[in-house]
Every structure is written in C-alpha cells, then in structure tokens.
Amino acid sequence: MQDSDPREQTARLHEEWASVVPFGRPDWRTAFTRDRIRIETTTGELVSERSSPRASFDGHVMNTPWDPLHRAYFNGYAMWTYLTTPFLLAMPGFEVVEIEPWREGDETWRGVRARFPESIASHSREQDFYFGDDFLLRRHDYHVDVAGGFPAAQYVSDIVEVDGIRFPTKRRAYLRGPDLRPVRDLLMVSIDLSDFRFAPRRG
C-alpha cells in the first residue's frame, strides 16, 4: 500500500546515513546507518532501535509482514541509494562494468553493472543502471534481498536541476519479468520527490 503523506527525507552524500520525518507519528523520525536503525523523537529521544538490522530480514519473502524498524531500515538504505545515484558508484569499493544496452521504445540506454561493497547496505550486491544519450539515469534494476530477492525494474523521470545537479522526481518500481521487462500491472513502489536542496551537515 502506498502512502501519500508528504515527508522530509535527508541523506548525507559522503557516508551512508539517512533520515525521514515524520515516521509513524508527527514527532518521530528515523536515523539509518548500515549497522543500526533508530526511531527517535524529533528532539533525539530514543523510541526503538535495532542493531545489525539486515539480519532481521532472514527468511523473509515478498509478503512477510514488516514491523516499523524493518520499514525504517528499508526506507533508509533505499532512499540513500536513490538520492546519491550515480555518484555513489565512484565511492571506494564499488566495481562497475559496462553491460548490454537496453532498448526502450525508440531509445537505446547504455547499461552498467555495479557490484556494491559489503560496507554499503542496499537492495542487492549487484545492481544495473541504464542511462540515456544525455547521460541521465533512466532505469535502475536490482533484486530486493530483504524481501526474498524478487527482481525489480525502477524507472525514473521528470528531471529537475538543483545547484547544477539533476534529480529525477518520479520513481516507479515494477516487478521485473524473466525477459527483463517490467510487469506494468505489478507496481511495487511509487515515489514522487520535490523541493530538493543541499545544506551543510548539522551536528
């Protein structure tokens, strides 16, 4: 089920950290890192937390119910990945190779396959990114390991420019079929983004 309530998402550009507010209650927020997920009040008081959060997904499949800390962890790593793409691919430990291009309508998108280092939490160790002739991201493929490893194809569109950096404002992730084509009737995630801004790190 999609949630249309607006939220503020924050991500650090040079380390894997993210937060979203509100979360669960108007005065709650999340604090995500690879090794710990926290739900806290907006004044920093702890509500709940989990160390080694990835292990809590062991044995999960696509329809396994999640608790709030599961959802907070997923949101944290997923949104950090999306907001820092493609620049995260230049971080230490990433291995990137070119793969076969993808034909979409009358366009041909160049593809790269990235192998993520163990130090970065994300959907899966290997993920594919497809770029248009303008070098902007069009599609992002991965397996959702925390939900049984189902394959997804995420399409991005409606680009805006902020301080010289371009961001897609719409993200639509579909179940990916064996032919690599999205199953359009199976929309898994729909994300609309707006009001991007850069700010110095606080604290």
N, C-alpha and C. Protein backbone atom coordinates (compact mmCIF):
# COMPACT_ATOMS: atom_id res chain seq x y z
N MET A 1 0.85 -1.19 0.00
CA MET A 1 0.00 0.00 0.00
C MET A 1 0.89 1.24 0.00
N GLN A 2 0.59 2.17 -0.90
CA GLN A 2 1.36 3.39 -0.99
C GLN A 2 0.82 4.42 0.00
N ASP A 3 1.72 5.23 0.53
CA ASP A 3 1.37 6.27 1.50
C ASP A 3 1.65 7.62 0.85
N SER A 4 0.61 8.45 0.72
CA SER A 4 0.76 9.72 0.02
C SER A 4 1.10 10.88 0.93
N ASP A 5 1.23 10.65 2.23
CA ASP A 5 1.56 11.75 3.14
C ASP A 5 2.96 12.28 2.85
N PRO A 6 3.14 13.60 2.74
CA PRO A 6 4.46 14.16 2.46
C PRO A 6 5.41 14.00 3.65
N ARG A 7 6.68 13.81 3.33
CA ARG A 7 7.71 13.67 4.36
C ARG A 7 8.96 14.42 3.91
N GLU A 8 9.86 14.64 4.85
CA GLU A 8 11.15 15.23 4.53
C GLU A 8 12.22 14.15 4.67
N GLN A 9 12.92 13.90 3.57
CA GLN A 9 13.98 12.89 3.55
C GLN A 9 15.33 13.58 3.50
N THR A 10 16.24 13.17 4.36
CA THR A 10 17.60 13.72 4.41
C THR A 10 18.59 12.60 4.18
N ALA A 11 19.62 12.87 3.37
CA ALA A 11 20.68 11.89 3.13
C ALA A 11 22.02 12.60 3.12
N ARG A 12 23.02 11.98 3.71
CA ARG A 12 24.38 12.51 3.63
C ARG A 12 25.05 11.98 2.37
N LEU A 13 25.84 12.82 1.74
CA LEU A 13 26.37 12.50 0.43
C LEU A 13 27.62 11.64 0.49
N HIS A 14 28.39 11.71 1.56
CA HIS A 14 29.68 11.03 1.60
C HIS A 14 29.74 9.90 2.62
N GLU A 15 28.63 9.59 3.23
CA GLU A 15 28.54 8.43 4.12
C GLU A 15 27.11 7.92 4.08
N GLU A 16 26.94 6.63 4.38
CA GLU A 16 25.60 6.05 4.28
C GLU A 16 24.82 6.34 5.56
N TRP A 17 24.06 7.41 5.49
CA TRP A 17 23.20 7.84 6.59
C TRP A 17 21.98 8.52 5.98
N ALA A 18 20.81 8.24 6.55
CA ALA A 18 19.58 8.86 6.05
C ALA A 18 18.57 8.97 7.17
N SER A 19 17.63 9.88 7.00
CA SER A 19 16.57 10.09 7.99
C SER A 19 15.32 10.58 7.28
N VAL A 20 14.17 10.16 7.78
CA VAL A 20 12.90 10.66 7.25
C VAL A 20 12.03 11.09 8.43
N VAL A 21 11.32 12.20 8.22
CA VAL A 21 10.42 12.74 9.25
C VAL A 21 9.19 13.31 8.56
N PRO A 22 7.98 13.08 9.06
CA PRO A 22 7.65 12.23 10.22
C PRO A 22 7.68 10.76 9.85
N PHE A 23 7.74 9.92 10.87
CA PHE A 23 7.71 8.47 10.67
C PHE A 23 6.87 7.85 11.79
N GLY A 24 5.68 7.38 11.44
CA GLY A 24 4.82 6.76 12.44
C GLY A 24 3.99 7.75 13.23
N ARG A 25 4.64 8.79 13.75
CA ARG A 25 3.96 9.86 14.47
C ARG A 25 4.54 11.19 14.03
N PRO A 26 3.80 12.28 14.18
CA PRO A 26 4.30 13.57 13.70
C PRO A 26 5.63 13.98 14.32
N ASP A 27 5.91 13.54 15.55
CA ASP A 27 7.14 13.96 16.23
C ASP A 27 8.20 12.86 16.25
N TRP A 28 8.10 11.88 15.36
CA TRP A 28 9.10 10.82 15.25
C TRP A 28 9.85 10.93 13.93
N ARG A 29 11.08 10.47 13.94
CA ARG A 29 11.91 10.41 12.74
C ARG A 29 12.76 9.15 12.80
N THR A 30 13.39 8.82 11.68
CA THR A 30 14.31 7.68 11.65
C THR A 30 15.75 8.18 11.59
N ALA A 31 16.67 7.30 11.95
CA ALA A 31 18.10 7.55 11.79
C ALA A 31 18.72 6.23 11.33
N PHE A 32 19.08 6.17 10.06
CA PHE A 32 19.58 4.94 9.44
C PHE A 32 21.08 4.98 9.23
N THR A 33 21.76 3.90 9.59
CA THR A 33 23.11 3.59 9.14
C THR A 33 23.13 2.11 8.79
N ARG A 34 24.19 1.66 8.17
CA ARG A 34 24.28 0.26 7.76
C ARG A 34 24.08 -0.69 8.93
N ASP A 35 24.63 -0.38 10.07
CA ASP A 35 24.67 -1.31 11.20
C ASP A 35 23.61 -1.05 12.27
N ARG A 36 22.83 0.01 12.12
CA ARG A 36 21.84 0.32 13.16
C ARG A 36 20.71 1.15 12.57
N ILE A 37 19.50 0.84 13.00
CA ILE A 37 18.36 1.67 12.65
C ILE A 37 17.69 2.13 13.93
N ARG A 38 17.35 3.41 13.97
CA ARG A 38 16.71 4.01 15.15
C ARG A 38 15.43 4.71 14.73
N ILE A 39 14.44 4.64 15.59
CA ILE A 39 13.30 5.54 15.54
C ILE A 39 13.40 6.40 16.78
N GLU A 40 13.37 7.71 16.59
CA GLU A 40 13.57 8.62 17.70
C GLU A 40 12.62 9.80 17.57
N THR A 41 12.47 10.55 18.64
CA THR A 41 11.68 11.77 18.56
C THR A 41 12.48 12.83 17.83
N THR A 42 11.80 13.88 17.42
CA THR A 42 12.48 14.96 16.71
C THR A 42 13.44 15.73 17.61
N THR A 43 13.39 15.47 18.91
CA THR A 43 14.37 16.05 19.83
C THR A 43 15.50 15.07 20.15
N GLY A 44 15.48 13.90 19.52
CA GLY A 44 16.57 12.95 19.67
C GLY A 44 16.39 11.88 20.72
N GLU A 45 15.23 11.80 21.36
CA GLU A 45 15.00 10.76 22.37
C GLU A 45 14.66 9.44 21.68
N LEU A 46 15.27 8.36 22.16
CA LEU A 46 15.11 7.05 21.53
C LEU A 46 13.69 6.51 21.73
N VAL A 47 13.09 6.03 20.64
CA VAL A 47 11.81 5.32 20.70
C VAL A 47 12.06 3.82 20.60
N SER A 48 12.82 3.40 19.59
CA SER A 48 13.22 2.00 19.44
C SER A 48 14.41 1.94 18.50
N GLU A 49 15.17 0.87 18.59
CA GLU A 49 16.33 0.72 17.72
C GLU A 49 16.64 -0.76 17.52
N ARG A 50 17.43 -1.03 16.49
CA ARG A 50 17.83 -2.40 16.20
C ARG A 50 19.25 -2.39 15.65
N SER A 51 20.12 -3.16 16.27
CA SER A 51 21.47 -3.35 15.75
C SER A 51 21.46 -4.49 14.73
N SER A 52 22.42 -4.47 13.82
CA SER A 52 22.50 -5.49 12.75
C SER A 52 21.13 -5.70 12.11
N PRO A 53 20.52 -4.64 11.62
CA PRO A 53 19.13 -4.75 11.15
C PRO A 53 18.95 -5.67 9.95
N ARG A 54 19.98 -5.86 9.15
CA ARG A 54 19.83 -6.72 7.98
C ARG A 54 19.46 -8.15 8.37
N ALA A 55 20.03 -8.61 9.47
CA ALA A 55 19.78 -9.99 9.91
C ALA A 55 18.32 -10.22 10.27
N SER A 56 17.60 -9.16 10.60
CA SER A 56 16.20 -9.32 10.99
C SER A 56 15.30 -9.68 9.81
N PHE A 57 15.84 -9.61 8.59
CA PHE A 57 15.08 -9.98 7.39
C PHE A 57 15.32 -11.43 6.97
N ASP A 58 16.14 -12.17 7.68
CA ASP A 58 16.44 -13.55 7.31
C ASP A 58 15.14 -14.36 7.20
N GLY A 59 15.00 -15.07 6.10
CA GLY A 59 13.82 -15.89 5.88
C GLY A 59 12.61 -15.15 5.34
N HIS A 60 12.72 -13.84 5.14
CA HIS A 60 11.59 -13.08 4.62
C HIS A 60 11.35 -13.37 3.14
N VAL A 61 10.09 -13.30 2.74
CA VAL A 61 9.70 -13.35 1.34
C VAL A 61 8.91 -12.07 1.05
N MET A 62 8.38 -11.98 -0.18
CA MET A 62 7.77 -10.73 -0.60
C MET A 62 6.62 -10.29 0.30
N ASN A 63 5.84 -11.23 0.81
CA ASN A 63 4.66 -10.86 1.59
C ASN A 63 4.84 -11.03 3.10
N THR A 64 6.08 -11.16 3.58
CA THR A 64 6.31 -11.24 5.03
C THR A 64 6.01 -9.88 5.67
N PRO A 65 5.20 -9.85 6.72
CA PRO A 65 4.90 -8.56 7.37
C PRO A 65 6.17 -7.93 7.96
N TRP A 66 6.24 -6.61 7.90
CA TRP A 66 7.35 -5.85 8.47
C TRP A 66 6.88 -5.06 9.68
N ASP A 67 7.77 -4.92 10.65
CA ASP A 67 7.50 -4.03 11.77
C ASP A 67 8.06 -2.64 11.43
N PRO A 68 7.82 -1.63 12.28
CA PRO A 68 8.29 -0.29 11.96
C PRO A 68 9.80 -0.19 11.74
N LEU A 69 10.60 -0.97 12.47
CA LEU A 69 12.05 -0.90 12.27
C LEU A 69 12.46 -1.53 10.94
N HIS A 70 11.76 -2.58 10.50
CA HIS A 70 12.00 -3.10 9.15
C HIS A 70 11.75 -2.01 8.11
N ARG A 71 10.61 -1.35 8.22
CA ARG A 71 10.27 -0.32 7.25
C ARG A 71 11.25 0.84 7.29
N ALA A 72 11.67 1.21 8.48
CA ALA A 72 12.62 2.32 8.61
C ALA A 72 13.96 1.98 7.97
N TYR A 73 14.42 0.74 8.17
CA TYR A 73 15.69 0.32 7.58
C TYR A 73 15.59 0.30 6.05
N PHE A 74 14.52 -0.29 5.53
CA PHE A 74 14.34 -0.33 4.08
C PHE A 74 14.30 1.07 3.49
N ASN A 75 13.51 1.94 4.10
CA ASN A 75 13.45 3.32 3.62
C ASN A 75 14.82 3.97 3.65
N GLY A 76 15.58 3.73 4.70
CA GLY A 76 16.87 4.38 4.83
C GLY A 76 17.84 4.00 3.74
N TYR A 77 18.05 2.70 3.54
CA TYR A 77 19.04 2.31 2.53
C TYR A 77 18.55 2.59 1.12
N ALA A 78 17.23 2.39 0.89
CA ALA A 78 16.71 2.61 -0.46
C ALA A 78 16.81 4.09 -0.85
N MET A 79 16.34 4.98 0.00
CA MET A 79 16.36 6.39 -0.35
C MET A 79 17.78 6.94 -0.40
N TRP A 80 18.67 6.45 0.46
CA TRP A 80 20.06 6.89 0.36
C TRP A 80 20.63 6.49 -0.99
N THR A 81 20.36 5.25 -1.42
CA THR A 81 20.83 4.80 -2.73
C THR A 81 20.29 5.68 -3.84
N TYR A 82 18.99 5.94 -3.82
CA TYR A 82 18.38 6.71 -4.90
C TYR A 82 18.91 8.15 -4.95
N LEU A 83 19.03 8.78 -3.80
CA LEU A 83 19.41 10.19 -3.77
C LEU A 83 20.89 10.41 -4.09
N THR A 84 21.71 9.40 -3.92
CA THR A 84 23.14 9.55 -4.21
C THR A 84 23.56 8.94 -5.55
N THR A 85 22.63 8.30 -6.25
CA THR A 85 22.93 7.75 -7.58
C THR A 85 23.02 8.88 -8.59
N PRO A 86 24.01 8.87 -9.51
CA PRO A 86 25.01 7.83 -9.76
C PRO A 86 26.33 8.05 -9.02
N PHE A 87 26.40 9.10 -8.21
CA PHE A 87 27.68 9.48 -7.62
C PHE A 87 28.22 8.44 -6.65
N LEU A 88 27.33 7.66 -6.03
CA LEU A 88 27.82 6.63 -5.11
C LEU A 88 28.69 5.61 -5.82
N LEU A 89 28.54 5.45 -7.14
CA LEU A 89 29.32 4.45 -7.87
C LEU A 89 30.80 4.79 -7.91
N ALA A 90 31.15 6.04 -7.59
CA ALA A 90 32.55 6.45 -7.54
C ALA A 90 33.15 6.29 -6.15
N MET A 91 32.37 5.82 -5.18
CA MET A 91 32.88 5.65 -3.83
C MET A 91 33.83 4.45 -3.77
N PRO A 92 34.73 4.41 -2.79
CA PRO A 92 35.66 3.28 -2.67
C PRO A 92 34.92 1.96 -2.53
N GLY A 93 35.43 0.94 -3.22
CA GLY A 93 34.90 -0.40 -3.09
C GLY A 93 33.91 -0.81 -4.15
N PHE A 94 33.38 0.13 -4.92
CA PHE A 94 32.44 -0.22 -5.98
C PHE A 94 33.19 -0.74 -7.21
N GLU A 95 32.64 -1.78 -7.83
CA GLU A 95 33.17 -2.32 -9.08
C GLU A 95 32.10 -2.12 -10.15
N VAL A 96 32.46 -1.46 -11.25
CA VAL A 96 31.49 -1.10 -12.28
C VAL A 96 31.99 -1.57 -13.64
N VAL A 97 31.12 -2.27 -14.38
CA VAL A 97 31.44 -2.72 -15.73
C VAL A 97 30.28 -2.39 -16.65
N GLU A 98 30.57 -2.20 -17.93
CA GLU A 98 29.51 -1.94 -18.90
C GLU A 98 28.83 -3.24 -19.28
N ILE A 99 27.51 -3.19 -19.45
CA ILE A 99 26.72 -4.35 -19.85
C ILE A 99 25.96 -4.03 -21.13
N GLU A 100 25.21 -5.00 -21.63
CA GLU A 100 24.43 -4.80 -22.84
C GLU A 100 23.45 -3.64 -22.67
N PRO A 101 23.31 -2.82 -23.70
CA PRO A 101 22.34 -1.73 -23.61
C PRO A 101 20.91 -2.26 -23.57
N TRP A 102 20.01 -1.41 -23.15
CA TRP A 102 18.59 -1.76 -23.09
C TRP A 102 17.82 -0.91 -24.09
N ARG A 103 16.99 -1.59 -24.87
CA ARG A 103 16.15 -0.89 -25.85
C ARG A 103 14.79 -0.60 -25.24
N GLU A 104 14.42 0.65 -25.17
CA GLU A 104 13.13 1.08 -24.60
C GLU A 104 12.44 1.97 -25.62
N GLY A 105 11.40 1.45 -26.30
CA GLY A 105 10.75 2.21 -27.35
C GLY A 105 11.73 2.48 -28.47
N ASP A 106 11.89 3.75 -28.82
CA ASP A 106 12.84 4.11 -29.87
C ASP A 106 14.18 4.59 -29.30
N GLU A 107 14.40 4.36 -28.01
CA GLU A 107 15.65 4.77 -27.37
C GLU A 107 16.51 3.56 -27.01
N THR A 108 17.82 3.78 -27.01
CA THR A 108 18.76 2.76 -26.54
C THR A 108 19.52 3.34 -25.36
N TRP A 109 19.45 2.65 -24.22
CA TRP A 109 20.08 3.13 -22.99
C TRP A 109 21.31 2.31 -22.69
N ARG A 110 22.43 2.97 -22.48
CA ARG A 110 23.66 2.26 -22.10
C ARG A 110 23.55 1.77 -20.67
N GLY A 111 24.10 0.58 -20.43
CA GLY A 111 23.97 -0.02 -19.11
C GLY A 111 25.30 -0.24 -18.43
N VAL A 112 25.30 -0.13 -17.12
CA VAL A 112 26.46 -0.51 -16.31
C VAL A 112 25.97 -1.39 -15.17
N ARG A 113 26.79 -2.34 -14.81
CA ARG A 113 26.51 -3.20 -13.65
C ARG A 113 27.47 -2.83 -12.54
N ALA A 114 26.91 -2.54 -11.38
CA ALA A 114 27.72 -2.17 -10.22
C ALA A 114 27.66 -3.28 -9.18
N ARG A 115 28.82 -3.63 -8.67
CA ARG A 115 28.89 -4.54 -7.53
C ARG A 115 29.18 -3.69 -6.30
N PHE A 116 28.25 -3.70 -5.37
CA PHE A 116 28.35 -2.87 -4.18
C PHE A 116 29.29 -3.52 -3.16
N PRO A 117 30.07 -2.72 -2.45
CA PRO A 117 30.92 -3.29 -1.39
C PRO A 117 30.08 -3.73 -0.19
N GLU A 118 30.64 -4.62 0.60
CA GLU A 118 29.95 -5.10 1.80
C GLU A 118 29.65 -3.96 2.78
N SER A 119 30.43 -2.89 2.69
CA SER A 119 30.27 -1.78 3.63
C SER A 119 29.05 -0.91 3.35
N ILE A 120 28.36 -1.15 2.22
CA ILE A 120 27.19 -0.37 1.84
C ILE A 120 25.95 -1.26 1.86
N ALA A 121 24.94 -0.85 2.60
CA ALA A 121 23.66 -1.57 2.60
C ALA A 121 22.82 -1.08 1.43
N SER A 122 22.26 -2.01 0.67
CA SER A 122 21.39 -1.64 -0.44
C SER A 122 20.51 -2.83 -0.79
N HIS A 123 19.80 -2.71 -1.92
CA HIS A 123 18.86 -3.77 -2.29
C HIS A 123 19.58 -5.10 -2.49
N SER A 124 20.68 -5.08 -3.24
CA SER A 124 21.41 -6.31 -3.57
C SER A 124 22.85 -5.94 -3.91
N ARG A 125 23.72 -6.93 -3.88
CA ARG A 125 25.14 -6.65 -4.15
C ARG A 125 25.34 -6.17 -5.58
N GLU A 126 24.63 -6.76 -6.54
CA GLU A 126 24.75 -6.35 -7.94
C GLU A 126 23.50 -5.61 -8.37
N GLN A 127 23.70 -4.46 -9.00
CA GLN A 127 22.58 -3.65 -9.50
C GLN A 127 22.96 -3.07 -10.85
N ASP A 128 21.97 -2.93 -11.72
CA ASP A 128 22.19 -2.43 -13.07
C ASP A 128 21.56 -1.05 -13.23
N PHE A 129 22.28 -0.17 -13.93
CA PHE A 129 21.84 1.20 -14.15
C PHE A 129 21.89 1.48 -15.65
N TYR A 130 20.83 2.08 -16.18
CA TYR A 130 20.74 2.38 -17.61
C TYR A 130 20.59 3.88 -17.80
N PHE A 131 21.38 4.41 -18.75
CA PHE A 131 21.47 5.85 -18.96
C PHE A 131 21.14 6.21 -20.40
N GLY A 132 20.46 7.36 -20.58
CA GLY A 132 20.12 7.84 -21.91
C GLY A 132 21.30 8.51 -22.58
N ASP A 133 21.06 9.00 -23.81
CA ASP A 133 22.11 9.69 -24.56
C ASP A 133 22.59 10.94 -23.86
N ASP A 134 21.79 11.49 -22.97
CA ASP A 134 22.17 12.68 -22.22
C ASP A 134 22.91 12.34 -20.92
N PHE A 135 23.23 11.03 -20.75
CA PHE A 135 23.96 10.53 -19.57
C PHE A 135 23.15 10.59 -18.28
N LEU A 136 21.86 10.79 -18.38
CA LEU A 136 21.00 10.80 -17.20
C LEU A 136 20.37 9.43 -17.00
N LEU A 137 20.18 9.06 -15.75
CA LEU A 137 19.62 7.76 -15.41
C LEU A 137 18.19 7.65 -15.92
N ARG A 138 17.87 6.47 -16.49
CA ARG A 138 16.52 6.18 -16.95
C ARG A 138 15.90 5.01 -16.19
N ARG A 139 16.75 4.04 -15.83
CA ARG A 139 16.22 2.81 -15.23
C ARG A 139 17.26 2.23 -14.28
N HIS A 140 16.76 1.58 -13.23
CA HIS A 140 17.62 1.00 -12.19
C HIS A 140 17.05 -0.37 -11.85
N ASP A 141 17.83 -1.43 -12.08
CA ASP A 141 17.39 -2.81 -11.82
C ASP A 141 18.13 -3.39 -10.63
N TYR A 142 17.43 -4.20 -9.85
CA TYR A 142 18.04 -4.80 -8.66
C TYR A 142 17.15 -5.95 -8.19
N HIS A 143 17.64 -6.70 -7.23
CA HIS A 143 16.85 -7.68 -6.50
C HIS A 143 16.64 -7.16 -5.08
N VAL A 144 15.44 -7.33 -4.56
CA VAL A 144 15.14 -6.86 -3.20
C VAL A 144 15.43 -8.01 -2.24
N ASP A 145 16.68 -8.09 -1.81
CA ASP A 145 17.13 -9.22 -1.00
C ASP A 145 16.39 -9.32 0.33
N VAL A 146 15.96 -8.19 0.89
CA VAL A 146 15.28 -8.23 2.19
C VAL A 146 13.85 -8.75 2.09
N ALA A 147 13.37 -8.98 0.86
CA ALA A 147 12.01 -9.49 0.65
C ALA A 147 12.04 -10.71 -0.26
N GLY A 148 12.98 -11.60 -0.02
CA GLY A 148 13.05 -12.83 -0.79
C GLY A 148 13.81 -12.74 -2.09
N GLY A 149 14.36 -11.56 -2.40
CA GLY A 149 15.18 -11.42 -3.60
C GLY A 149 14.40 -11.24 -4.88
N PHE A 150 13.16 -10.75 -4.81
CA PHE A 150 12.41 -10.60 -6.06
C PHE A 150 13.05 -9.52 -6.94
N PRO A 151 12.99 -9.69 -8.28
CA PRO A 151 13.63 -8.73 -9.19
C PRO A 151 12.74 -7.52 -9.44
N ALA A 152 13.34 -6.35 -9.50
CA ALA A 152 12.60 -5.11 -9.72
C ALA A 152 13.27 -4.29 -10.81
N ALA A 153 12.45 -3.55 -11.55
CA ALA A 153 12.93 -2.58 -12.53
C ALA A 153 12.31 -1.24 -12.17
N GLN A 154 13.15 -0.29 -11.83
CA GLN A 154 12.67 1.03 -11.42
C GLN A 154 12.95 2.05 -12.51
N TYR A 155 11.89 2.72 -12.96
CA TYR A 155 12.01 3.75 -13.99
C TYR A 155 11.97 5.12 -13.32
N VAL A 156 12.83 6.01 -13.80
CA VAL A 156 12.88 7.36 -13.23
C VAL A 156 12.61 8.37 -14.34
N SER A 157 12.01 9.51 -13.97
CA SER A 157 11.63 10.50 -14.97
C SER A 157 11.42 11.86 -14.32
N ASP A 158 11.04 12.83 -15.14
CA ASP A 158 10.72 14.18 -14.69
C ASP A 158 11.90 14.80 -13.93
N ILE A 159 12.94 15.10 -14.68
CA ILE A 159 14.20 15.59 -14.11
C ILE A 159 14.08 17.07 -13.73
N VAL A 160 14.65 17.42 -12.58
CA VAL A 160 14.82 18.82 -12.20
C VAL A 160 16.30 19.07 -11.91
N GLU A 161 16.71 20.33 -12.02
CA GLU A 161 18.10 20.69 -11.74
C GLU A 161 18.15 21.57 -10.49
N VAL A 162 19.04 21.19 -9.57
CA VAL A 162 19.22 21.92 -8.31
C VAL A 162 20.71 22.16 -8.11
N ASP A 163 21.12 23.41 -8.09
CA ASP A 163 22.53 23.75 -7.90
C ASP A 163 23.43 23.00 -8.87
N GLY A 164 22.97 22.85 -10.11
CA GLY A 164 23.76 22.20 -11.14
C GLY A 164 23.69 20.68 -11.16
N ILE A 165 22.98 20.08 -10.22
CA ILE A 165 22.83 18.63 -10.15
C ILE A 165 21.41 18.27 -10.55
N ARG A 166 21.26 17.24 -11.37
CA ARG A 166 19.94 16.85 -11.86
C ARG A 166 19.42 15.63 -11.11
N PHE A 167 18.15 15.71 -10.75
CA PHE A 167 17.49 14.65 -9.99
C PHE A 167 16.19 14.25 -10.68
N PRO A 168 15.89 12.96 -10.75
CA PRO A 168 14.54 12.55 -11.17
C PRO A 168 13.56 12.78 -10.02
N THR A 169 12.38 13.25 -10.36
CA THR A 169 11.37 13.49 -9.33
C THR A 169 10.34 12.38 -9.23
N LYS A 170 10.31 11.50 -10.22
CA LYS A 170 9.36 10.38 -10.20
C LYS A 170 10.13 9.06 -10.31
N ARG A 171 9.77 8.13 -9.44
CA ARG A 171 10.36 6.78 -9.44
C ARG A 171 9.23 5.77 -9.35
N ARG A 172 9.24 4.83 -10.29
CA ARG A 172 8.22 3.79 -10.32
C ARG A 172 8.91 2.44 -10.47
N ALA A 173 8.77 1.60 -9.45
CA ALA A 173 9.43 0.30 -9.45
C ALA A 173 8.40 -0.80 -9.69
N TYR A 174 8.68 -1.64 -10.68
CA TYR A 174 7.80 -2.73 -11.05
C TYR A 174 8.49 -4.07 -10.82
N LEU A 175 7.70 -5.10 -10.63
CA LEU A 175 8.25 -6.45 -10.67
C LEU A 175 8.85 -6.66 -12.05
N ARG A 176 10.05 -7.24 -12.10
CA ARG A 176 10.75 -7.46 -13.36
C ARG A 176 10.57 -8.90 -13.81
N GLY A 177 10.16 -9.08 -15.05
CA GLY A 177 9.94 -10.41 -15.59
C GLY A 177 11.23 -11.07 -16.03
N PRO A 178 11.18 -12.36 -16.41
CA PRO A 178 12.39 -13.08 -16.82
C PRO A 178 13.02 -12.54 -18.09
N ASP A 179 12.25 -11.80 -18.90
CA ASP A 179 12.79 -11.17 -20.11
C ASP A 179 13.34 -9.78 -19.83
N LEU A 180 13.48 -9.43 -18.55
CA LEU A 180 13.98 -8.13 -18.07
C LEU A 180 12.97 -7.00 -18.25
N ARG A 181 11.81 -7.31 -18.79
CA ARG A 181 10.80 -6.27 -18.98
C ARG A 181 9.98 -6.08 -17.70
N PRO A 182 9.59 -4.85 -17.43
CA PRO A 182 8.76 -4.62 -16.24
C PRO A 182 7.36 -5.19 -16.42
N VAL A 183 6.82 -5.73 -15.36
CA VAL A 183 5.42 -6.18 -15.37
C VAL A 183 4.59 -4.97 -14.94
N ARG A 184 4.05 -4.27 -15.91
CA ARG A 184 3.43 -2.96 -15.64
C ARG A 184 2.22 -3.05 -14.71
N ASP A 185 1.60 -4.21 -14.66
CA ASP A 185 0.45 -4.37 -13.76
C ASP A 185 0.87 -4.58 -12.31
N LEU A 186 2.16 -4.77 -12.08
CA LEU A 186 2.64 -5.04 -10.72
C LEU A 186 3.58 -3.91 -10.28
N LEU A 187 2.99 -2.77 -9.98
CA LEU A 187 3.74 -1.63 -9.46
C LEU A 187 4.04 -1.88 -7.99
N MET A 188 5.32 -1.93 -7.65
CA MET A 188 5.73 -2.24 -6.29
C MET A 188 5.93 -0.99 -5.43
N VAL A 189 6.50 0.05 -6.04
CA VAL A 189 6.81 1.28 -5.30
C VAL A 189 6.58 2.47 -6.22
N SER A 190 5.97 3.52 -5.69
CA SER A 190 5.78 4.77 -6.41
C SER A 190 6.26 5.91 -5.52
N ILE A 191 7.25 6.67 -6.00
CA ILE A 191 7.85 7.74 -5.20
C ILE A 191 7.83 9.03 -6.01
N ASP A 192 7.30 10.09 -5.42
CA ASP A 192 7.35 11.43 -6.00
C ASP A 192 8.19 12.31 -5.09
N LEU A 193 9.16 12.99 -5.67
CA LEU A 193 10.09 13.82 -4.91
C LEU A 193 9.98 15.28 -5.36
N SER A 194 10.23 16.19 -4.43
CA SER A 194 10.17 17.62 -4.75
C SER A 194 11.01 18.39 -3.74
N ASP A 195 11.21 19.66 -4.02
CA ASP A 195 11.88 20.58 -3.08
C ASP A 195 13.26 20.08 -2.66
N PHE A 196 14.07 19.67 -3.64
CA PHE A 196 15.44 19.26 -3.34
C PHE A 196 16.26 20.46 -2.88
N ARG A 197 17.15 20.23 -1.95
CA ARG A 197 18.08 21.28 -1.55
C ARG A 197 19.31 20.67 -0.89
N PHE A 198 20.41 21.37 -1.05
CA PHE A 198 21.67 20.98 -0.41
C PHE A 198 21.89 21.87 0.80
N ALA A 199 22.46 21.29 1.85
CA ALA A 199 22.73 22.06 3.07
C ALA A 199 23.96 21.51 3.75
N PRO A 200 24.72 22.35 4.47
CA PRO A 200 25.85 21.83 5.24
C PRO A 200 25.37 20.84 6.29
N ARG A 201 26.21 19.88 6.59
CA ARG A 201 25.86 18.90 7.61
C ARG A 201 25.74 19.58 8.96
N ARG A 202 24.69 19.21 9.69
CA ARG A 202 24.47 19.74 11.03
C ARG A 202 24.92 18.72 12.07
N GLY A 203 25.60 19.18 13.09
CA GLY A 203 26.00 18.27 14.17
C GLY A 203 27.25 17.50 13.86
